[in-house]
Amino acid sequence: MTGTHKPMRLPPLKALRVHNPKRVPENPCIAIMSSVLSCWASAGFNAAGCVAVENQLRRCMDGPAVGATKPNNINHHLGRMQKYVTSQPKMR
């Protein structure tokens, strides 16, 4: 079977975009902070009962900060290359 195949045509795109490229990483100390708050709520703000959890929160907050990642510039490059990918409207 040596037939010619029609090339597959894709529908035209309005814009090339990647959804939500700027994700903010979750702070790891938030879970420990909620544990401290729940311990205070259950112990009636008694500092003696929640010392271990408070110290764990202090160690987390005093630890090294999570480095900021470089922003993803994929949408910039997709915008630059869009004219080569999408079909241009025909001039009359």
Protein backbone atom coordinates (compact mmCIF):
# COMPACT_ATOMS: atom_id res chain seq x y z
CA MET A 1 0.00 0.00 0.00
CA THR A 2 1.93 2.93 -1.28
CA GLY A 3 -0.63 5.69 -1.11
CA THR A 4 -0.18 9.31 -0.34
CA HIS A 5 -1.46 10.47 2.98
CA LYS A 6 -2.97 13.85 3.62
CA PRO A 7 -1.03 15.82 6.20
CA MET A 8 -2.89 16.31 9.45
CA ARG A 9 -4.13 19.89 9.85
CA LEU A 10 -4.36 21.38 13.31
CA PRO A 11 -6.89 24.09 14.15
CA PRO A 12 -5.49 27.63 14.29
CA LEU A 13 -4.44 28.90 17.70
CA LYS A 14 -5.24 32.36 19.02
CA ALA A 15 -2.28 32.40 21.37
CA LEU A 16 0.34 30.01 22.61
CA ARG A 17 0.29 30.01 26.43
CA VAL A 18 1.33 27.78 29.28
CA HIS A 19 -1.09 28.00 32.18
CA ASN A 20 0.12 29.48 35.47
CA PRO A 21 3.89 29.55 34.95
CA LYS A 22 4.46 31.41 38.24
CA ARG A 23 3.73 28.88 40.96
CA VAL A 24 4.58 29.95 44.45
CA PRO A 25 6.13 27.12 46.49
CA GLU A 26 4.33 26.39 49.72
CA ASN A 27 6.09 27.43 52.91
CA PRO A 28 7.05 24.32 54.93
CA CYS A 29 6.55 26.19 58.23
CA ILE A 30 2.81 26.64 57.66
CA ALA A 31 2.00 23.09 58.79
CA ILE A 32 4.07 23.51 61.95
CA MET A 33 2.43 26.87 62.65
CA SER A 34 -1.01 25.30 62.41
CA SER A 35 0.16 22.64 64.88
CA VAL A 36 1.26 25.37 67.30
CA LEU A 37 -2.08 27.15 66.98
CA SER A 38 -4.05 23.95 67.52
CA CYS A 39 -1.86 23.08 70.53
CA TRP A 40 -2.51 26.52 72.02
CA ALA A 41 -6.24 26.15 71.38
CA SER A 42 -6.39 22.72 73.03
CA ALA A 43 -4.08 23.60 75.95
CA GLY A 44 -5.74 26.94 76.66
CA PHE A 45 -2.67 28.97 75.69
CA ASN A 46 -0.57 27.08 78.22
CA ALA A 47 3.04 27.61 77.14
CA ALA A 48 4.35 24.64 79.14
CA GLY A 49 2.34 22.09 77.15
CA CYS A 50 3.40 23.31 73.70
CA VAL A 51 7.13 23.93 74.19
CA ALA A 52 8.26 21.17 71.83
CA VAL A 53 6.04 22.34 68.98
CA GLU A 54 7.03 25.99 69.55
CA ASN A 55 10.72 25.08 69.40
CA GLN A 56 10.13 23.16 66.19
CA LEU A 57 8.47 26.25 64.70
CA ARG A 58 11.37 28.46 65.81
CA ARG A 59 13.89 26.09 64.17
CA CYS A 60 11.86 26.13 60.97
CA MET A 61 11.56 29.93 60.92
CA ASP A 62 15.24 30.48 61.78
CA GLY A 63 16.43 28.01 59.15
CA PRO A 64 17.67 29.03 55.73
CA ALA A 65 15.10 30.63 53.50
CA VAL A 66 14.07 28.74 50.42
CA GLY A 67 15.83 30.33 47.46
CA ALA A 68 13.71 32.03 44.88
CA THR A 69 13.67 30.21 41.59
CA LYS A 70 14.15 32.03 38.33
CA PRO A 71 10.86 32.86 36.62
CA ASN A 72 9.88 30.66 33.74
CA ASN A 73 10.05 32.61 30.48
CA ILE A 74 8.32 30.03 28.28
CA ASN A 75 5.40 32.35 27.49
CA HIS A 76 7.80 35.03 26.28
CA HIS A 77 9.42 32.64 23.82
CA LEU A 78 6.07 31.20 22.72
CA GLY A 79 4.87 34.73 21.99
CA ARG A 80 7.97 35.42 19.91
CA MET A 81 7.57 32.23 17.89
CA GLN A 82 3.80 32.43 17.44
CA LYS A 83 4.09 34.10 14.05
CA TYR A 84 6.03 31.07 12.78
CA VAL A 85 3.56 28.54 14.18
CA THR A 86 0.10 30.00 13.54
CA SER A 87 -1.30 30.79 10.15
CA GLN A 88 -1.44 34.43 9.13
CA PRO A 89 -4.73 35.90 7.87
CA LYS A 90 -4.79 36.08 4.08
CA MET A 91 -4.46 39.53 2.54
CA ARG A 92 -7.00 40.44 -0.14
